[in-house]
Protein backbone atom coordinates (compact mmCIF):
# COMPACT_ATOMS: atom_id res chain seq x y z
CA MET A 1 0.01 0.29 0.02
CA ALA A 2 1.18 3.54 -0.61
CA VAL A 3 2.03 6.18 1.73
CA ILE A 4 -0.97 8.31 2.51
CA SER A 5 -0.21 11.93 3.32
CA VAL A 6 -3.17 13.47 5.39
CA VAL A 7 -4.30 17.13 5.18
CA GLY A 8 -7.16 18.06 7.96
CA LYS A 9 -8.38 16.46 10.88
CA ASP A 10 -11.54 14.86 8.66
CA ASN A 11 -9.08 13.19 6.47
CA PHE A 12 -6.68 11.75 8.93
CA VAL A 13 -9.92 10.61 11.19
CA SER A 14 -11.23 8.91 8.14
CA GLU A 15 -7.99 7.01 7.29
CA VAL A 16 -7.21 5.78 11.08
CA SER A 17 -10.79 4.61 11.89
CA ALA A 18 -10.35 0.93 10.84
CA GLY A 19 -7.33 -1.20 11.34
CA VAL A 20 -3.45 -0.80 12.25
CA SER A 21 -2.20 2.68 11.29
CA LEU A 22 1.48 3.70 10.95
CA VAL A 23 1.22 7.70 11.86
CA ASP A 24 4.29 9.54 10.88
CA PHE A 25 4.01 13.51 12.07
CA TYR A 26 6.75 15.14 10.75
CA ALA A 27 8.24 18.49 9.23
CA ASP A 28 9.85 19.07 6.11
CA TRP A 29 12.69 21.00 7.78
CA CYS A 30 13.58 17.71 10.14
CA GLY A 31 16.44 15.96 9.07
CA PRO A 32 15.61 12.50 10.86
CA CYS A 33 12.26 12.93 9.60
CA LYS A 34 13.93 12.86 5.93
CA MET A 35 15.64 9.72 7.07
CA LEU A 36 12.68 7.74 7.74
CA ALA A 37 10.52 8.73 5.01
CA PRO A 38 12.42 5.64 2.52
CA VAL A 39 12.15 3.35 5.69
CA LEU A 40 8.41 4.18 5.79
CA ASP A 41 7.92 3.67 2.21
CA GLU A 42 9.31 -0.13 2.58
CA ILE A 43 7.26 -0.75 5.71
CA ALA A 44 3.98 0.06 3.11
CA GLU A 45 5.18 -2.10 0.28
CA GLU A 46 6.18 -4.80 2.68
CA LEU A 47 2.84 -4.54 5.35
CA ALA A 48 0.23 -4.29 2.73
CA ASP A 49 -2.42 -4.75 5.72
CA VAL A 50 -1.61 -1.82 7.66
CA LYS A 51 -1.83 2.01 6.47
CA VAL A 52 1.50 4.12 6.44
CA ILE A 53 0.19 8.20 6.82
CA LYS A 54 2.17 11.11 7.03
CA VAL A 55 1.05 14.24 8.63
CA ASN A 56 2.96 17.29 8.49
CA VAL A 57 3.09 19.26 11.66
CA ASP A 58 3.43 22.50 10.15
CA GLN A 59 0.14 22.20 8.21
CA ASN A 60 -1.47 20.31 11.10
CA GLN A 61 -0.70 22.03 14.06
CA ASP A 62 -4.37 20.96 15.36
CA LEU A 63 -3.43 17.54 15.08
CA ALA A 64 -0.12 17.42 16.29
CA ALA A 65 -1.51 19.35 19.50
CA GLU A 66 -4.30 16.88 19.86
CA TYR A 67 -1.78 13.85 19.80
CA ARG A 68 0.82 15.59 22.06
CA VAL A 69 3.41 15.70 19.37
CA GLN A 70 6.16 17.82 21.16
CA GLY A 71 9.44 16.45 18.90
CA VAL A 72 9.34 15.25 14.81
CA PRO A 73 9.66 12.54 14.38
CA THR A 74 6.91 11.20 16.18
CA ILE A 75 5.41 7.72 14.97
CA VAL A 76 2.00 6.58 16.50
CA ILE A 77 0.38 3.22 15.86
CA MET A 78 -3.13 3.48 15.78
CA LYS A 79 -5.96 0.67 16.12
CA ASP A 80 -9.49 1.15 14.73
CA GLY A 81 -8.87 4.92 15.88
CA GLN A 82 -6.98 4.41 19.14
CA LEU A 83 -3.60 5.45 19.66
CA VAL A 84 -2.07 2.37 21.11
CA GLU A 85 1.50 2.92 21.00
CA ARG A 86 4.22 5.99 20.42
CA ALA A 87 7.71 6.33 19.29
CA VAL A 88 9.69 9.58 19.43
CA GLY A 89 12.54 9.93 17.10
CA PHE A 90 14.20 8.00 14.07
CA GLN A 91 13.45 4.72 14.85
CA PRO A 92 14.87 1.22 12.73
CA LYS A 93 12.75 -0.29 10.45
CA GLY A 94 12.75 -3.39 12.57
CA ASN A 95 11.13 -1.49 15.43
CA LEU A 96 8.82 0.13 13.63
CA VAL A 97 7.66 -3.40 12.18
CA ASN A 98 7.97 -4.97 15.63
CA LEU A 99 5.38 -1.86 16.99
CA VAL A 100 2.81 -2.45 14.26
CA ASN A 101 3.03 -6.49 14.46
CA LYS A 102 2.04 -5.94 18.29
CA HIS A 103 -1.37 -4.73 17.29
CA LYS A 104 -2.46 -6.67 14.12
């Protein structure tokens, strides 16, 4: 499945409402966020049953505040619309896959 970019809260809520989603709260100016992008692309390709969603914190400040994003990148794992895991900072692929697999 391709990586989904979210614009706005309504779009976000509809994307994470069912199943397991890996959400990347990022910023364009963030070096570690840029390093994480190809890792997320790989995960999106390998885990077809998981949505990988990117949320630009500068364009979606309300969503970032709602999910208490204080640093970027912040990764949250959502299951059926509920936050079940959180990780802050660059995460290796294996860590992210393990976080997702705990909730599939």
